[in-house]
Amino acid sequence: MMQVEKQKMREILACVPVMPVLTVHDAGVAADLARALVEGGISVFEVLMRTPAAAEAIRAMVRAAPEARIGAGTLLRPDDVARAVDAGAAFGVAPGLTETLARAVNAAGLPFLPGVSTASEVIAAMEQGFFEQKLFPAHGGAGITWLQSMAGVFPAVTFCPTGGIKVADVPGYLALPNCGTIGCSWVAPADLVQARDWPAIAGLARQAAAMTGARA
């Protein structure tokens, strides 16, 4: 069963080159935000579980955009996993990984993207059955060199880098054999969400959905 779950996570990542990472403070905007992203061609996004509105925002997004796969981010403990599953999250994301968190995720059958930043952490995540991992923090374009170094050592691992990645950094990441998706916040910036400028967000989503890798 575990192998099927991990394949699901890889399939989810393969749906988009850029995965928006969303901090939602008002669940009332969640449905429109989800529809704007889907309209722009982005069907996978992560809602950070850092605000009181996050769980309700995920519920609203699932109802508004059932074709999308909506993940719950910043899962730190088993209670967070339970809240994500209850909200209807299609997958979970964490900045790191512990044995306790891994047990909770696997018990819930939740496709999962644990955070790593060292080779030892990559190995530890692999031992728990996770071959799709989040490089965090990627430090903008600096993570490209790290991923290049890891490609030959861990050919079975697919990475989704997140953290400070700007538009100009994306093609360099997507050109790497071990990185098919990046996570970033610029697709739905806070000012556009607050202004409820859904056409602008849909436009940024279209830009993100069209991105491909290109070596400098």
N, C-alpha and C. Protein backbone atom coordinates (compact mmCIF):
# COMPACT_ATOMS: atom_id res chain seq x y z
N MET A 1 0.83 -1.21 0.00
CA MET A 1 0.00 0.00 0.00
C MET A 1 0.86 1.25 0.00
N MET A 2 1.99 1.24 0.70
CA MET A 2 2.81 2.43 0.79
C MET A 2 3.32 2.86 -0.58
N GLN A 3 3.69 1.92 -1.42
CA GLN A 3 4.20 2.30 -2.74
C GLN A 3 3.14 3.02 -3.56
N VAL A 4 1.88 2.61 -3.45
CA VAL A 4 0.80 3.27 -4.15
C VAL A 4 0.66 4.71 -3.68
N GLU A 5 0.73 4.92 -2.34
CA GLU A 5 0.59 6.26 -1.79
C GLU A 5 1.69 7.19 -2.33
N LYS A 6 2.92 6.69 -2.36
CA LYS A 6 4.01 7.55 -2.81
C LYS A 6 3.90 7.85 -4.31
N GLN A 7 3.41 6.89 -5.07
CA GLN A 7 3.18 7.16 -6.50
C GLN A 7 2.14 8.25 -6.66
N LYS A 8 1.13 8.28 -5.81
CA LYS A 8 0.13 9.34 -5.87
C LYS A 8 0.77 10.70 -5.67
N MET A 9 1.70 10.82 -4.72
CA MET A 9 2.35 12.10 -4.49
C MET A 9 3.14 12.53 -5.72
N ARG A 10 3.82 11.58 -6.34
CA ARG A 10 4.59 11.92 -7.54
C ARG A 10 3.66 12.35 -8.68
N GLU A 11 2.53 11.70 -8.79
CA GLU A 11 1.56 12.08 -9.82
C GLU A 11 1.00 13.48 -9.56
N ILE A 12 0.77 13.80 -8.30
CA ILE A 12 0.28 15.13 -7.97
C ILE A 12 1.29 16.19 -8.39
N LEU A 13 2.55 15.99 -8.05
CA LEU A 13 3.58 16.96 -8.41
C LEU A 13 3.71 17.10 -9.92
N ALA A 14 3.50 16.00 -10.63
CA ALA A 14 3.67 16.04 -12.09
C ALA A 14 2.58 16.84 -12.79
N CYS A 15 1.53 17.21 -12.07
CA CYS A 15 0.43 17.95 -12.70
C CYS A 15 0.77 19.40 -13.00
N VAL A 16 1.75 19.96 -12.29
CA VAL A 16 2.06 21.38 -12.45
C VAL A 16 3.57 21.61 -12.36
N PRO A 17 4.10 22.60 -13.11
CA PRO A 17 5.51 22.96 -12.95
C PRO A 17 5.73 23.86 -11.74
N VAL A 18 4.70 24.61 -11.36
CA VAL A 18 4.77 25.53 -10.23
C VAL A 18 3.57 25.28 -9.32
N MET A 19 3.85 25.05 -8.04
CA MET A 19 2.79 24.83 -7.05
C MET A 19 2.69 26.07 -6.16
N PRO A 20 1.60 26.82 -6.26
CA PRO A 20 1.45 27.98 -5.37
C PRO A 20 1.38 27.56 -3.90
N VAL A 21 2.10 28.31 -3.07
CA VAL A 21 2.06 28.11 -1.63
C VAL A 21 1.28 29.29 -1.05
N LEU A 22 0.14 29.00 -0.41
CA LEU A 22 -0.83 30.03 -0.04
C LEU A 22 -0.96 30.18 1.47
N THR A 23 -0.92 31.41 1.93
CA THR A 23 -1.25 31.73 3.31
C THR A 23 -2.59 32.44 3.30
N VAL A 24 -3.63 31.79 3.81
CA VAL A 24 -4.98 32.32 3.73
C VAL A 24 -5.43 32.77 5.13
N HIS A 25 -5.69 34.07 5.26
CA HIS A 25 -6.14 34.62 6.54
C HIS A 25 -7.65 34.74 6.62
N ASP A 26 -8.32 34.71 5.48
CA ASP A 26 -9.78 34.87 5.43
C ASP A 26 -10.36 33.76 4.56
N ALA A 27 -11.05 32.81 5.19
CA ALA A 27 -11.62 31.69 4.44
C ALA A 27 -12.65 32.16 3.43
N GLY A 28 -13.14 33.37 3.60
CA GLY A 28 -14.13 33.90 2.68
C GLY A 28 -13.62 34.14 1.27
N VAL A 29 -12.30 34.24 1.11
CA VAL A 29 -11.73 34.45 -0.23
C VAL A 29 -11.27 33.14 -0.85
N ALA A 30 -11.32 32.05 -0.10
CA ALA A 30 -10.70 30.80 -0.53
C ALA A 30 -11.31 30.24 -1.81
N ALA A 31 -12.63 30.25 -1.90
CA ALA A 31 -13.28 29.67 -3.08
C ALA A 31 -12.90 30.43 -4.34
N ASP A 32 -12.96 31.76 -4.29
CA ASP A 32 -12.60 32.56 -5.46
C ASP A 32 -11.13 32.40 -5.81
N LEU A 33 -10.29 32.30 -4.81
CA LEU A 33 -8.86 32.11 -5.05
C LEU A 33 -8.61 30.78 -5.76
N ALA A 34 -9.25 29.73 -5.28
CA ALA A 34 -9.09 28.41 -5.92
C ALA A 34 -9.56 28.44 -7.36
N ARG A 35 -10.70 29.06 -7.60
CA ARG A 35 -11.22 29.12 -8.97
C ARG A 35 -10.31 29.93 -9.89
N ALA A 36 -9.71 31.00 -9.37
CA ALA A 36 -8.80 31.81 -10.18
C ALA A 36 -7.56 31.01 -10.57
N LEU A 37 -7.01 30.24 -9.64
CA LEU A 37 -5.84 29.43 -9.93
C LEU A 37 -6.16 28.36 -10.97
N VAL A 38 -7.30 27.69 -10.80
CA VAL A 38 -7.70 26.66 -11.76
C VAL A 38 -7.97 27.26 -13.13
N GLU A 39 -8.59 28.43 -13.15
CA GLU A 39 -8.82 29.11 -14.43
C GLU A 39 -7.52 29.38 -15.16
N GLY A 40 -6.47 29.67 -14.40
CA GLY A 40 -5.17 29.93 -15.00
C GLY A 40 -4.38 28.68 -15.34
N GLY A 41 -4.91 27.51 -15.03
CA GLY A 41 -4.25 26.26 -15.39
C GLY A 41 -3.46 25.61 -14.28
N ILE A 42 -3.58 26.10 -13.06
CA ILE A 42 -2.89 25.51 -11.91
C ILE A 42 -3.90 24.72 -11.08
N SER A 43 -3.73 23.41 -11.03
CA SER A 43 -4.70 22.55 -10.35
C SER A 43 -4.15 21.93 -9.07
N VAL A 44 -2.93 22.31 -8.67
CA VAL A 44 -2.33 21.81 -7.44
C VAL A 44 -1.79 23.00 -6.66
N PHE A 45 -2.23 23.14 -5.41
CA PHE A 45 -1.69 24.21 -4.58
C PHE A 45 -1.73 23.80 -3.12
N GLU A 46 -0.90 24.49 -2.35
CA GLU A 46 -0.70 24.16 -0.93
C GLU A 46 -1.18 25.31 -0.07
N VAL A 47 -2.01 25.01 0.91
CA VAL A 47 -2.46 25.99 1.89
C VAL A 47 -1.71 25.76 3.19
N LEU A 48 -0.97 26.76 3.63
CA LEU A 48 -0.20 26.62 4.86
C LEU A 48 -1.13 26.61 6.07
N MET A 49 -0.94 25.63 6.95
CA MET A 49 -1.78 25.52 8.14
C MET A 49 -1.21 26.39 9.26
N ARG A 50 -1.02 27.66 8.94
CA ARG A 50 -0.42 28.59 9.90
C ARG A 50 -1.42 29.62 10.41
N THR A 51 -2.61 29.61 9.89
CA THR A 51 -3.60 30.60 10.29
C THR A 51 -4.87 29.90 10.79
N PRO A 52 -5.66 30.59 11.62
CA PRO A 52 -6.91 29.98 12.09
C PRO A 52 -7.88 29.66 10.96
N ALA A 53 -7.72 30.33 9.82
CA ALA A 53 -8.65 30.13 8.70
C ALA A 53 -8.24 29.00 7.77
N ALA A 54 -7.07 28.42 7.97
CA ALA A 54 -6.51 27.49 6.98
C ALA A 54 -7.39 26.27 6.72
N ALA A 55 -7.85 25.61 7.76
CA ALA A 55 -8.64 24.38 7.57
C ALA A 55 -9.94 24.69 6.84
N GLU A 56 -10.63 25.76 7.24
CA GLU A 56 -11.87 26.12 6.57
C GLU A 56 -11.61 26.56 5.14
N ALA A 57 -10.46 27.19 4.91
CA ALA A 57 -10.10 27.60 3.54
C ALA A 57 -9.94 26.37 2.65
N ILE A 58 -9.31 25.33 3.15
CA ILE A 58 -9.15 24.10 2.37
C ILE A 58 -10.52 23.51 2.05
N ARG A 59 -11.40 23.47 3.04
CA ARG A 59 -12.75 22.94 2.80
C ARG A 59 -13.47 23.73 1.70
N ALA A 60 -13.36 25.05 1.77
CA ALA A 60 -14.02 25.89 0.78
C ALA A 60 -13.43 25.68 -0.60
N MET A 61 -12.11 25.51 -0.68
CA MET A 61 -11.45 25.28 -1.97
C MET A 61 -11.84 23.95 -2.57
N VAL A 62 -11.93 22.93 -1.73
CA VAL A 62 -12.33 21.60 -2.21
C VAL A 62 -13.73 21.65 -2.80
N ARG A 63 -14.63 22.39 -2.15
CA ARG A 63 -15.98 22.51 -2.67
C ARG A 63 -16.01 23.33 -3.97
N ALA A 64 -15.23 24.40 -4.02
CA ALA A 64 -15.27 25.31 -5.16
C ALA A 64 -14.54 24.77 -6.39
N ALA A 65 -13.50 23.98 -6.16
CA ALA A 65 -12.68 23.47 -7.26
C ALA A 65 -12.39 21.99 -7.05
N PRO A 66 -13.40 21.14 -7.20
CA PRO A 66 -13.21 19.71 -6.93
C PRO A 66 -12.20 19.05 -7.86
N GLU A 67 -11.91 19.69 -9.00
CA GLU A 67 -10.92 19.12 -9.91
C GLU A 67 -9.50 19.37 -9.46
N ALA A 68 -9.31 20.24 -8.49
CA ALA A 68 -7.97 20.59 -8.00
C ALA A 68 -7.53 19.62 -6.91
N ARG A 69 -6.22 19.58 -6.71
CA ARG A 69 -5.65 18.80 -5.61
C ARG A 69 -5.05 19.81 -4.64
N ILE A 70 -5.66 19.93 -3.49
CA ILE A 70 -5.32 20.98 -2.54
C ILE A 70 -4.61 20.35 -1.34
N GLY A 71 -3.40 20.80 -1.10
CA GLY A 71 -2.60 20.24 -0.02
C GLY A 71 -2.59 21.12 1.21
N ALA A 72 -2.21 20.53 2.34
CA ALA A 72 -2.08 21.25 3.60
C ALA A 72 -0.60 21.29 3.98
N GLY A 73 -0.08 22.50 4.15
CA GLY A 73 1.34 22.65 4.46
C GLY A 73 1.60 22.96 5.92
N THR A 74 2.88 22.95 6.27
CA THR A 74 3.36 23.19 7.63
C THR A 74 2.74 22.19 8.61
N LEU A 75 2.72 20.92 8.22
CA LEU A 75 2.28 19.87 9.14
C LEU A 75 3.47 19.52 10.04
N LEU A 76 3.31 19.71 11.34
CA LEU A 76 4.42 19.54 12.27
C LEU A 76 4.23 18.38 13.24
N ARG A 77 2.97 17.99 13.47
CA ARG A 77 2.68 16.97 14.49
C ARG A 77 1.45 16.16 14.06
N PRO A 78 1.20 15.03 14.71
CA PRO A 78 0.05 14.20 14.31
C PRO A 78 -1.27 14.95 14.31
N ASP A 79 -1.49 15.87 15.23
CA ASP A 79 -2.74 16.64 15.24
C ASP A 79 -2.91 17.44 13.95
N ASP A 80 -1.81 17.95 13.42
CA ASP A 80 -1.88 18.69 12.16
C ASP A 80 -2.31 17.78 11.02
N VAL A 81 -1.79 16.57 11.02
CA VAL A 81 -2.17 15.60 9.99
C VAL A 81 -3.66 15.30 10.07
N ALA A 82 -4.16 15.11 11.27
CA ALA A 82 -5.58 14.83 11.45
C ALA A 82 -6.44 15.99 10.97
N ARG A 83 -6.03 17.23 11.26
CA ARG A 83 -6.78 18.39 10.81
C ARG A 83 -6.78 18.50 9.29
N ALA A 84 -5.63 18.19 8.68
CA ALA A 84 -5.53 18.25 7.22
C ALA A 84 -6.46 17.24 6.57
N VAL A 85 -6.46 16.03 7.08
CA VAL A 85 -7.32 14.98 6.53
C VAL A 85 -8.79 15.36 6.72
N ASP A 86 -9.13 15.86 7.89
CA ASP A 86 -10.51 16.26 8.17
C ASP A 86 -10.98 17.38 7.25
N ALA A 87 -10.05 18.26 6.87
CA ALA A 87 -10.40 19.38 5.98
C ALA A 87 -10.54 18.95 4.53
N GLY A 88 -10.09 17.74 4.22
CA GLY A 88 -10.20 17.24 2.85
C GLY A 88 -8.96 17.44 2.01
N ALA A 89 -7.82 17.67 2.65
CA ALA A 89 -6.57 17.87 1.90
C ALA A 89 -6.22 16.62 1.09
N ALA A 90 -5.73 16.85 -0.12
CA ALA A 90 -5.34 15.75 -1.00
C ALA A 90 -3.93 15.26 -0.71
N PHE A 91 -3.14 16.10 -0.05
CA PHE A 91 -1.77 15.72 0.30
C PHE A 91 -1.29 16.63 1.42
N GLY A 92 -0.17 16.26 2.03
CA GLY A 92 0.40 17.06 3.10
C GLY A 92 1.83 17.44 2.78
N VAL A 93 2.27 18.55 3.38
CA VAL A 93 3.64 19.05 3.19
C VAL A 93 4.17 19.47 4.56
N ALA A 94 5.45 19.22 4.80
CA ALA A 94 6.06 19.63 6.06
C ALA A 94 7.43 20.24 5.80
N PRO A 95 7.89 21.11 6.69
CA PRO A 95 9.24 21.68 6.52
C PRO A 95 10.35 20.73 6.90
N GLY A 96 10.01 19.64 7.58
CA GLY A 96 10.99 18.65 8.00
C GLY A 96 10.29 17.31 8.20
N LEU A 97 10.92 16.42 8.98
CA LEU A 97 10.32 15.11 9.21
C LEU A 97 10.85 14.52 10.51
N THR A 98 9.92 13.94 11.29
CA THR A 98 10.27 13.15 12.46
C THR A 98 9.62 11.78 12.32
N GLU A 99 10.07 10.82 13.12
CA GLU A 99 9.46 9.50 13.06
C GLU A 99 8.00 9.56 13.48
N THR A 100 7.67 10.41 14.44
CA THR A 100 6.29 10.56 14.89
C THR A 100 5.41 11.09 13.77
N LEU A 101 5.90 12.10 13.07
CA LEU A 101 5.13 12.67 11.97
C LEU A 101 4.97 11.65 10.84
N ALA A 102 6.04 10.93 10.53
CA ALA A 102 5.98 9.92 9.47
C ALA A 102 4.96 8.85 9.79
N ARG A 103 4.90 8.40 11.04
CA ARG A 103 3.92 7.38 11.43
C ARG A 103 2.50 7.89 11.25
N ALA A 104 2.27 9.14 11.63
CA ALA A 104 0.93 9.71 11.52
C ALA A 104 0.50 9.83 10.06
N VAL A 105 1.41 10.27 9.22
CA VAL A 105 1.11 10.44 7.80
C VAL A 105 0.82 9.09 7.16
N ASN A 106 1.66 8.11 7.44
CA ASN A 106 1.47 6.80 6.84
C ASN A 106 0.21 6.11 7.37
N ALA A 107 -0.10 6.32 8.64
CA ALA A 107 -1.32 5.74 9.20
C ALA A 107 -2.56 6.36 8.55
N ALA A 108 -2.47 7.64 8.20
CA ALA A 108 -3.59 8.32 7.56
C ALA A 108 -3.68 8.02 6.07
N GLY A 109 -2.63 7.45 5.49
CA GLY A 109 -2.61 7.20 4.05
C GLY A 109 -2.56 8.47 3.25
N LEU A 110 -1.95 9.51 3.80
CA LEU A 110 -1.92 10.82 3.14
C LEU A 110 -0.67 10.96 2.28
N PRO A 111 -0.81 11.19 0.97
CA PRO A 111 0.38 11.49 0.16
C PRO A 111 1.12 12.66 0.79
N PHE A 112 2.43 12.59 0.82
CA PHE A 112 3.18 13.49 1.71
C PHE A 112 4.50 13.93 1.10
N LEU A 113 4.85 15.19 1.37
CA LEU A 113 6.09 15.79 0.89
C LEU A 113 6.84 16.34 2.09
N PRO A 114 7.78 15.56 2.65
CA PRO A 114 8.55 16.04 3.80
C PRO A 114 9.69 16.95 3.38
N GLY A 115 10.03 17.90 4.24
CA GLY A 115 11.12 18.82 3.94
C GLY A 115 12.47 18.25 4.31
N VAL A 116 13.46 18.53 3.48
CA VAL A 116 14.84 18.11 3.72
C VAL A 116 15.78 19.24 3.32
N SER A 117 16.98 19.23 3.91
CA SER A 117 17.99 20.21 3.50
C SER A 117 19.40 19.66 3.56
N THR A 118 19.53 18.37 3.92
CA THR A 118 20.84 17.72 3.94
C THR A 118 20.72 16.31 3.36
N ALA A 119 21.85 15.73 2.99
CA ALA A 119 21.85 14.36 2.48
C ALA A 119 21.35 13.37 3.53
N SER A 120 21.71 13.61 4.79
CA SER A 120 21.25 12.71 5.86
C SER A 120 19.73 12.75 5.99
N GLU A 121 19.15 13.94 5.83
CA GLU A 121 17.69 14.04 5.92
C GLU A 121 17.02 13.36 4.73
N VAL A 122 17.65 13.42 3.56
CA VAL A 122 17.12 12.71 2.40
C VAL A 122 17.06 11.20 2.69
N ILE A 123 18.15 10.67 3.24
CA ILE A 123 18.20 9.24 3.56
C ILE A 123 17.15 8.88 4.59
N ALA A 124 17.01 9.71 5.63
CA ALA A 124 16.03 9.43 6.68
C ALA A 124 14.62 9.41 6.11
N ALA A 125 14.31 10.35 5.21
CA ALA A 125 12.98 10.37 4.59
C ALA A 125 12.77 9.14 3.71
N MET A 126 13.81 8.73 2.99
CA MET A 126 13.70 7.52 2.18
C MET A 126 13.42 6.29 3.05
N GLU A 127 14.06 6.23 4.21
CA GLU A 127 13.84 5.10 5.10
C GLU A 127 12.40 5.02 5.59
N GLN A 128 11.72 6.16 5.62
CA GLN A 128 10.32 6.18 6.02
C GLN A 128 9.39 5.97 4.82
N GLY A 129 9.97 5.79 3.63
CA GLY A 129 9.18 5.50 2.45
C GLY A 129 8.84 6.69 1.58
N PHE A 130 9.48 7.84 1.84
CA PHE A 130 9.16 9.05 1.09
C PHE A 130 10.24 9.34 0.04
N PHE A 131 9.86 9.20 -1.22
CA PHE A 131 10.80 9.43 -2.31
C PHE A 131 10.47 10.71 -3.08
N GLU A 132 9.47 11.43 -2.64
CA GLU A 132 9.18 12.77 -3.12
C GLU A 132 9.42 13.68 -1.93
N GLN A 133 10.34 14.63 -2.08
CA GLN A 133 10.76 15.42 -0.93
C GLN A 133 10.83 16.91 -1.29
N LYS A 134 10.68 17.73 -0.29
CA LYS A 134 10.69 19.18 -0.46
C LYS A 134 12.04 19.72 0.00
N LEU A 135 12.78 20.34 -0.90
CA LEU A 135 14.01 21.03 -0.49
C LEU A 135 13.60 22.34 0.16
N PHE A 136 13.88 22.47 1.45
CA PHE A 136 13.49 23.69 2.17
C PHE A 136 14.53 24.03 3.23
N PRO A 137 14.96 25.28 3.26
CA PRO A 137 14.64 26.33 2.28
C PRO A 137 15.56 26.23 1.06
N ALA A 138 15.03 26.61 -0.08
CA ALA A 138 15.83 26.55 -1.30
C ALA A 138 16.72 27.78 -1.46
N HIS A 139 16.43 28.83 -0.69
CA HIS A 139 17.22 30.07 -0.75
C HIS A 139 17.28 30.63 -2.16
N GLY A 140 16.11 30.81 -2.76
CA GLY A 140 16.06 31.37 -4.11
C GLY A 140 16.69 30.42 -5.11
N GLY A 141 17.61 30.93 -5.92
CA GLY A 141 18.26 30.10 -6.93
C GLY A 141 19.40 29.26 -6.39
N ALA A 142 19.78 29.46 -5.12
CA ALA A 142 20.94 28.74 -4.57
C ALA A 142 20.71 27.24 -4.50
N GLY A 143 19.45 26.82 -4.39
CA GLY A 143 19.17 25.40 -4.28
C GLY A 143 19.46 24.61 -5.54
N ILE A 144 19.63 25.28 -6.65
CA ILE A 144 19.92 24.57 -7.90
C ILE A 144 21.21 23.77 -7.77
N THR A 145 22.25 24.38 -7.21
CA THR A 145 23.53 23.69 -7.04
C THR A 145 23.38 22.47 -6.14
N TRP A 146 22.60 22.63 -5.06
CA TRP A 146 22.38 21.51 -4.13
C TRP A 146 21.69 20.36 -4.85
N LEU A 147 20.66 20.66 -5.62
CA LEU A 147 19.93 19.61 -6.32
C LEU A 147 20.80 18.93 -7.38
N GLN A 148 21.65 19.70 -8.03
CA GLN A 148 22.57 19.10 -8.99
C GLN A 148 23.48 18.09 -8.30
N SER A 149 23.93 18.41 -7.09
CA SER A 149 24.80 17.51 -6.34
C SER A 149 24.08 16.25 -5.89
N MET A 150 22.77 16.36 -5.63
CA MET A 150 22.00 15.22 -5.13
C MET A 150 21.54 14.28 -6.23
N ALA A 151 21.49 14.76 -7.47
CA ALA A 151 20.89 13.98 -8.55
C ALA A 151 21.55 12.62 -8.72
N GLY A 152 22.86 12.58 -8.75
CA GLY A 152 23.55 11.32 -8.95
C GLY A 152 23.54 10.42 -7.73
N VAL A 153 23.45 11.04 -6.55
CA VAL A 153 23.49 10.27 -5.30
C VAL A 153 22.14 9.62 -5.00
N PHE A 154 21.06 10.35 -5.31
CA PHE A 154 19.71 9.87 -5.00
C PHE A 154 18.85 9.90 -6.27
N PRO A 155 19.13 9.02 -7.23
CA PRO A 155 18.39 9.07 -8.50
C PRO A 155 16.92 8.73 -8.38
N ALA A 156 16.51 8.08 -7.29
CA ALA A 156 15.11 7.69 -7.13
C ALA A 156 14.27 8.78 -6.49
N VAL A 157 14.90 9.87 -6.05
CA VAL A 157 14.18 10.91 -5.32
C VAL A 157 13.84 12.08 -6.24
N THR A 158 12.60 12.53 -6.15
CA THR A 158 12.14 13.73 -6.85
C THR A 158 11.97 14.84 -5.83
N PHE A 159 12.51 16.01 -6.12
CA PHE A 159 12.47 17.13 -5.19
C PHE A 159 11.54 18.23 -5.67
N CYS A 160 10.91 18.88 -4.70
CA CYS A 160 10.11 20.08 -4.95
C CYS A 160 10.70 21.19 -4.08
N PRO A 161 11.56 22.03 -4.64
CA PRO A 161 12.19 23.08 -3.85
C PRO A 161 11.21 24.22 -3.54
N THR A 162 11.34 24.79 -2.35
CA THR A 162 10.48 25.87 -1.90
C THR A 162 11.29 26.81 -1.01
N GLY A 163 11.02 28.08 -1.13
CA GLY A 163 11.66 29.04 -0.23
C GLY A 163 12.44 30.11 -0.96
N GLY A 164 11.82 31.26 -1.16
CA GLY A 164 12.49 32.40 -1.78
C GLY A 164 12.68 32.29 -3.27
N ILE A 165 12.01 31.36 -3.93
CA ILE A 165 12.21 31.17 -5.37
C ILE A 165 11.43 32.21 -6.15
N LYS A 166 12.13 32.96 -6.96
CA LYS A 166 11.52 34.01 -7.76
C LYS A 166 11.24 33.50 -9.18
N VAL A 167 10.48 34.29 -9.94
CA VAL A 167 10.11 33.90 -11.29
C VAL A 167 11.34 33.56 -12.12
N ALA A 168 12.38 34.37 -12.02
CA ALA A 168 13.58 34.17 -12.85
C ALA A 168 14.33 32.89 -12.48
N ASP A 169 14.11 32.37 -11.27
CA ASP A 169 14.80 31.16 -10.84
C ASP A 169 14.17 29.89 -11.40
N VAL A 170 12.90 29.96 -11.76
CA VAL A 170 12.13 28.76 -12.06
C VAL A 170 12.71 27.94 -13.22
N PRO A 171 13.06 28.53 -14.37
CA PRO A 171 13.57 27.71 -15.47
C PRO A 171 14.81 26.90 -15.10
N GLY A 172 15.68 27.47 -14.27
CA GLY A 172 16.88 26.74 -13.86
C GLY A 172 16.55 25.51 -13.04
N TYR A 173 15.55 25.62 -12.18
CA TYR A 173 15.12 24.47 -11.39
C TYR A 173 14.47 23.41 -12.28
N LEU A 174 13.58 23.86 -13.15
CA LEU A 174 12.83 22.90 -13.96
C LEU A 174 13.71 22.19 -14.99
N ALA A 175 14.90 22.72 -15.23
CA ALA A 175 15.83 22.05 -16.14
C ALA A 175 16.51 20.85 -15.50
N LEU A 176 16.41 20.72 -14.19
CA LEU A 176 17.09 19.64 -13.47
C LEU A 176 16.32 18.33 -13.59
N PRO A 177 17.01 17.20 -13.70
CA PRO A 177 16.32 15.91 -13.86
C PRO A 177 15.58 15.46 -12.61
N ASN A 178 15.96 15.98 -11.46
CA ASN A 178 15.33 15.53 -10.21
C ASN A 178 14.38 16.57 -9.64
N CYS A 179 13.93 17.51 -10.48
CA CYS A 179 13.02 18.56 -10.02
C CYS A 179 12.02 18.87 -11.13
N GLY A 180 10.76 18.46 -10.93
CA GLY A 180 9.74 18.74 -11.93
C GLY A 180 8.75 19.80 -11.50
N THR A 181 8.80 20.16 -10.22
CA THR A 181 7.84 21.11 -9.66
C THR A 181 8.54 21.96 -8.62
N ILE A 182 8.20 23.26 -8.59
CA ILE A 182 8.72 24.12 -7.53
C ILE A 182 7.54 24.75 -6.80
N GLY A 183 7.75 25.08 -5.53
CA GLY A 183 6.73 25.74 -4.74
C GLY A 183 7.10 27.20 -4.52
N CYS A 184 6.14 28.10 -4.69
CA CYS A 184 6.43 29.51 -4.49
C CYS A 184 5.16 30.29 -4.21
N SER A 185 5.34 31.50 -3.68
CA SER A 185 4.19 32.31 -3.26
C SER A 185 3.84 33.41 -4.24
N TRP A 186 4.64 33.60 -5.28
CA TRP A 186 4.41 34.76 -6.14
C TRP A 186 3.19 34.60 -7.06
N VAL A 187 2.65 33.42 -7.18
CA VAL A 187 1.47 33.23 -8.04
C VAL A 187 0.24 33.91 -7.44
N ALA A 188 0.15 33.92 -6.12
CA ALA A 188 -1.00 34.54 -5.44
C ALA A 188 -0.49 35.44 -4.31
N PRO A 189 0.13 36.56 -4.65
CA PRO A 189 0.69 37.45 -3.62
C PRO A 189 -0.40 38.05 -2.74
N ALA A 190 -0.02 38.37 -1.52
CA ALA A 190 -0.98 38.82 -0.52
C ALA A 190 -1.74 40.06 -0.96
N ASP A 191 -1.07 40.98 -1.65
CA ASP A 191 -1.76 42.21 -2.03
C ASP A 191 -2.87 41.94 -3.04
N LEU A 192 -2.65 41.02 -3.97
CA LEU A 192 -3.69 40.70 -4.95
C LEU A 192 -4.84 39.93 -4.30
N VAL A 193 -4.51 39.06 -3.35
CA VAL A 193 -5.57 38.33 -2.64
C VAL A 193 -6.42 39.30 -1.83
N GLN A 194 -5.77 40.22 -1.13
CA GLN A 194 -6.51 41.20 -0.33
C GLN A 194 -7.39 42.08 -1.21
N ALA A 195 -6.88 42.41 -2.40
CA ALA A 195 -7.66 43.23 -3.34
C ALA A 195 -8.72 42.42 -4.08
N ARG A 196 -8.69 41.12 -3.90
CA ARG A 196 -9.60 40.20 -4.61
C ARG A 196 -9.49 40.40 -6.13
N ASP A 197 -8.26 40.55 -6.56
CA ASP A 197 -8.00 40.74 -7.99
C ASP A 197 -7.81 39.37 -8.63
N TRP A 198 -8.91 38.67 -8.81
CA TRP A 198 -8.85 37.30 -9.32
C TRP A 198 -8.35 37.23 -10.76
N PRO A 199 -8.70 38.17 -11.65
CA PRO A 199 -8.12 38.13 -13.00
C PRO A 199 -6.59 38.22 -13.00
N ALA A 200 -6.03 39.05 -12.12
CA ALA A 200 -4.57 39.16 -12.05
C ALA A 200 -3.95 37.86 -11.57
N ILE A 201 -4.57 37.23 -10.57
CA ILE A 201 -4.05 35.96 -10.07
C ILE A 201 -4.18 34.87 -11.12
N ALA A 202 -5.29 34.87 -11.85
CA ALA A 202 -5.43 33.90 -12.94
C ALA A 202 -4.35 34.11 -13.99
N GLY A 203 -3.99 35.36 -14.24
CA GLY A 203 -2.93 35.65 -15.19
C GLY A 203 -1.58 35.15 -14.73
N LEU A 204 -1.29 35.32 -13.45
CA LEU A 204 -0.03 34.79 -12.91
C LEU A 204 -0.03 33.26 -12.94
N ALA A 205 -1.19 32.67 -12.70
CA ALA A 205 -1.29 31.21 -12.77
C ALA A 205 -1.02 30.72 -14.19
N ARG A 206 -1.53 31.45 -15.19
CA ARG A 206 -1.26 31.06 -16.57
C ARG A 206 0.24 31.14 -16.87
N GLN A 207 0.88 32.17 -16.35
CA GLN A 207 2.33 32.30 -16.54
C GLN A 207 3.05 31.13 -15.90
N ALA A 208 2.64 30.76 -14.70
CA ALA A 208 3.28 29.65 -13.98
C ALA A 208 3.03 28.33 -14.70
N ALA A 209 1.81 28.10 -15.16
CA ALA A 209 1.47 26.84 -15.80
C ALA A 209 2.24 26.62 -17.10
N ALA A 210 2.67 27.71 -17.74
CA ALA A 210 3.37 27.62 -19.01
C ALA A 210 4.87 27.47 -18.85
N MET A 211 5.37 27.49 -17.62
CA MET A 211 6.83 27.48 -17.41
C MET A 211 7.44 26.13 -17.71
N THR A 212 8.63 26.19 -18.29
CA THR A 212 9.40 24.98 -18.57
C THR A 212 10.85 25.23 -18.21
N GLY A 213 11.63 24.19 -18.19
CA GLY A 213 13.04 24.33 -17.84
C GLY A 213 13.88 24.82 -19.01
N ALA A 214 14.89 25.60 -18.69
CA ALA A 214 15.84 26.08 -19.71
C ALA A 214 17.16 26.38 -19.05
N ARG A 215 18.19 25.77 -19.52
CA ARG A 215 19.52 25.99 -18.94
C ARG A 215 20.07 27.32 -19.44
N ALA A 216 20.73 28.02 -18.51
CA ALA A 216 21.34 29.32 -18.87
C ALA A 216 22.55 29.10 -19.77
